[in-house]
Amino acid sequence: MTDDVVLIRAKRPTRKYHGKEEESWEYWEDEEDGVKIRKSFANDKSADYLRENGMIPVTKAWWKRWVGSLVYGKFTPDGKLKELGQTSGVSDKMREKLTSEFNPFKLKTEYKHSVIEIKAMEQMKSGAYRHPTFERLRPDKDIEECVMEVDK
């Protein structure tokens, strides 16, 4: 299913990379002082060497200071904006577009309280969505259209 929801805010991305490509992973950061290094600029030192020298692999979104997951919600029938969850599946291109160039990890003001489309397996009775992913921005929609349905 897909649904339109209101983009409320963004969360910081996960810092530590836990993927399977750690040996060839490019993005590393000093665990204590945050100094960043690209593996290719470290004379292709091994992941073990970097780890032994206090470096940890970090996610690309953390490295680039982009937003992480997107927190969304809908209006209740009485007009209150209710947070319903957060979505993953945001492409690098979209993360970059949504991130404020003046405030790392923060959503650009122009996107706060805009409409996004999410895709999910189902919507539960609580209003939350099961396994939601970001699909696209919906500039053609008004936030007032994102109202929770009332069970009869």
Protein backbone atom coordinates (compact mmCIF):
# COMPACT_ATOMS: atom_id res chain seq x y z
CA MET A 1 0.00 0.00 0.00
CA THR A 2 1.01 3.63 -0.39
CA ASP A 3 -0.15 6.63 1.59
CA ASP A 4 0.53 10.34 1.87
CA VAL A 5 1.81 11.57 5.23
CA VAL A 6 3.26 14.77 6.69
CA LEU A 7 7.04 15.00 7.01
CA ILE A 8 7.62 16.19 10.58
CA ARG A 9 11.40 16.01 11.01
CA ALA A 10 14.47 13.95 10.27
CA LYS A 11 16.56 11.85 12.61
CA ARG A 12 20.32 11.67 12.58
CA PRO A 13 21.65 8.78 10.52
CA THR A 14 23.23 5.75 12.10
CA ARG A 15 26.90 6.49 12.79
CA LYS A 16 28.61 3.09 12.74
CA TYR A 17 28.60 1.10 9.53
CA HIS A 18 27.76 -2.58 10.12
CA GLY A 19 27.76 -3.78 6.53
CA LYS A 20 29.49 -6.70 4.89
CA GLU A 21 31.89 -4.55 2.84
CA GLU A 22 33.95 -3.22 5.73
CA GLU A 23 37.32 -4.14 4.19
CA SER A 24 36.61 -1.98 1.13
CA TRP A 25 34.46 0.63 2.93
CA GLU A 26 35.56 4.21 2.15
CA TYR A 27 34.16 6.18 5.08
CA TRP A 28 36.08 6.08 8.38
CA GLU A 29 36.10 8.38 11.38
CA ASP A 30 38.19 8.64 14.53
CA GLU A 31 35.97 7.24 17.25
CA GLU A 32 37.05 9.85 19.82
CA ASP A 33 37.60 13.15 18.02
CA GLY A 34 35.52 12.71 14.86
CA VAL A 35 38.38 13.28 12.39
CA LYS A 36 37.31 11.74 9.09
CA ILE A 37 39.43 9.86 6.59
CA ARG A 38 38.62 8.26 3.26
CA LYS A 39 40.16 4.81 3.04
CA SER A 40 41.46 5.57 -0.45
CA PHE A 41 43.44 8.49 1.01
CA ALA A 42 44.93 6.27 3.72
CA ASN A 43 47.09 4.48 1.13
CA ASP A 44 44.52 1.70 1.10
CA LYS A 45 45.36 0.57 4.61
CA SER A 46 43.43 -2.46 5.77
CA ALA A 47 40.28 -2.15 7.84
CA ASP A 48 42.16 -3.87 10.67
CA TYR A 49 44.91 -1.22 10.50
CA LEU A 50 42.38 1.61 10.60
CA ARG A 51 40.51 0.02 13.52
CA GLU A 52 43.78 -0.51 15.44
CA ASN A 53 44.42 3.22 15.05
CA GLY A 54 41.12 4.30 16.58
CA MET A 55 39.07 4.58 13.40
CA ILE A 56 35.59 3.15 12.93
CA PRO A 57 33.66 2.67 9.69
CA VAL A 58 30.77 5.14 9.48
CA THR A 59 27.74 5.22 7.22
CA LYS A 60 27.83 7.39 4.14
CA ALA A 61 24.96 9.51 5.47
CA TRP A 62 26.90 10.16 8.71
CA TRP A 63 30.06 10.99 6.77
CA LYS A 64 28.23 13.44 4.52
CA ARG A 65 26.21 14.87 7.47
CA TRP A 66 22.94 14.10 5.71
CA VAL A 67 19.61 13.41 7.39
CA GLY A 68 18.81 9.87 8.46
CA SER A 69 15.32 8.42 8.64
CA LEU A 70 12.27 10.63 8.14
CA VAL A 71 9.69 11.01 10.90
CA TYR A 72 6.14 11.39 9.63
CA GLY A 73 2.59 11.61 10.84
CA LYS A 74 -0.99 12.57 10.07
CA PHE A 75 -3.53 14.93 11.53
CA THR A 76 -6.10 13.54 13.92
CA PRO A 77 -9.74 14.50 13.26
CA ASP A 78 -9.41 17.22 15.94
CA GLY A 79 -6.50 18.83 14.04
CA LYS A 80 -3.48 17.63 16.02
CA LEU A 81 -0.45 16.29 14.15
CA LYS A 82 0.22 12.77 15.42
CA GLU A 83 3.60 11.16 14.86
CA LEU A 84 3.09 7.70 13.33
CA GLY A 85 6.60 6.44 12.68
CA GLN A 86 9.75 6.82 10.67
CA THR A 87 10.75 5.65 7.25
CA SER A 88 13.90 4.33 5.71
CA GLY A 89 14.63 3.78 2.04
CA VAL A 90 15.72 7.36 1.37
CA SER A 91 18.19 7.50 -1.52
CA ASP A 92 21.51 9.34 -1.20
CA LYS A 93 20.32 11.90 -3.75
CA MET A 94 17.16 12.58 -1.74
CA ARG A 95 19.06 12.72 1.59
CA GLU A 96 21.33 15.36 0.11
CA LYS A 97 18.35 17.32 -1.24
CA LEU A 98 16.54 17.26 2.13
CA THR A 99 19.55 18.16 4.31
CA SER A 100 20.17 21.74 5.35
CA GLU A 101 23.52 22.98 4.12
CA PHE A 102 23.74 25.26 7.17
CA ASN A 103 22.74 22.77 9.84
CA PRO A 104 24.15 19.25 9.35
CA PHE A 105 21.82 16.32 10.01
CA LYS A 106 18.81 18.67 9.94
CA LEU A 107 15.94 18.85 7.49
CA LYS A 108 15.78 21.92 5.28
CA THR A 109 13.06 24.23 6.60
CA GLU A 110 11.25 24.18 3.26
CA TYR A 111 10.55 20.43 3.60
CA LYS A 112 9.34 20.43 7.21
CA HIS A 113 5.59 19.82 7.20
CA SER A 114 5.47 18.91 3.54
CA VAL A 115 3.76 15.81 2.17
CA ILE A 116 5.64 12.64 1.34
CA GLU A 117 4.40 9.35 -0.04
CA ILE A 118 5.38 6.19 1.80
CA LYS A 119 5.01 2.56 0.87
CA ALA A 120 4.22 -0.01 3.56
CA MET A 121 3.04 -3.58 3.95
CA GLU A 122 -0.03 -2.47 5.90
CA GLN A 123 -1.45 0.14 8.22
CA MET A 124 -2.20 -1.13 11.70
CA LYS A 125 -5.17 -0.16 13.89
CA SER A 126 -2.92 2.25 15.83
CA GLY A 127 -2.35 4.20 12.62
CA ALA A 128 1.29 3.10 12.38
CA TYR A 129 2.59 1.49 9.20
CA ARG A 130 4.36 -1.84 8.92
CA HIS A 131 7.77 -1.64 7.19
CA PRO A 132 7.40 1.86 5.72
CA THR A 133 9.78 3.16 3.07
CA PHE A 134 10.05 6.57 1.50
CA GLU A 135 8.69 6.76 -2.05
CA ARG A 136 8.68 10.44 -3.05
CA LEU A 137 7.94 14.03 -2.19
CA ARG A 138 4.38 15.15 -2.96
CA PRO A 139 4.53 18.92 -3.67
CA ASP A 140 1.14 18.56 -5.37
CA LYS A 141 -0.54 17.70 -2.04
CA ASP A 142 -1.48 19.89 0.92
CA ILE A 143 -0.78 18.71 4.45
CA GLU A 144 -4.44 19.25 5.34
CA GLU A 145 -5.23 16.21 3.16
CA CYS A 146 -3.24 13.93 5.49
CA VAL A 147 -5.89 13.12 8.07
CA MET A 148 -6.23 9.86 9.98
CA GLU A 149 -9.36 7.91 9.26
CA VAL A 150 -11.76 7.40 12.14
CA ASP A 151 -12.97 3.86 12.83
CA LYS A 152 -16.73 3.66 12.94
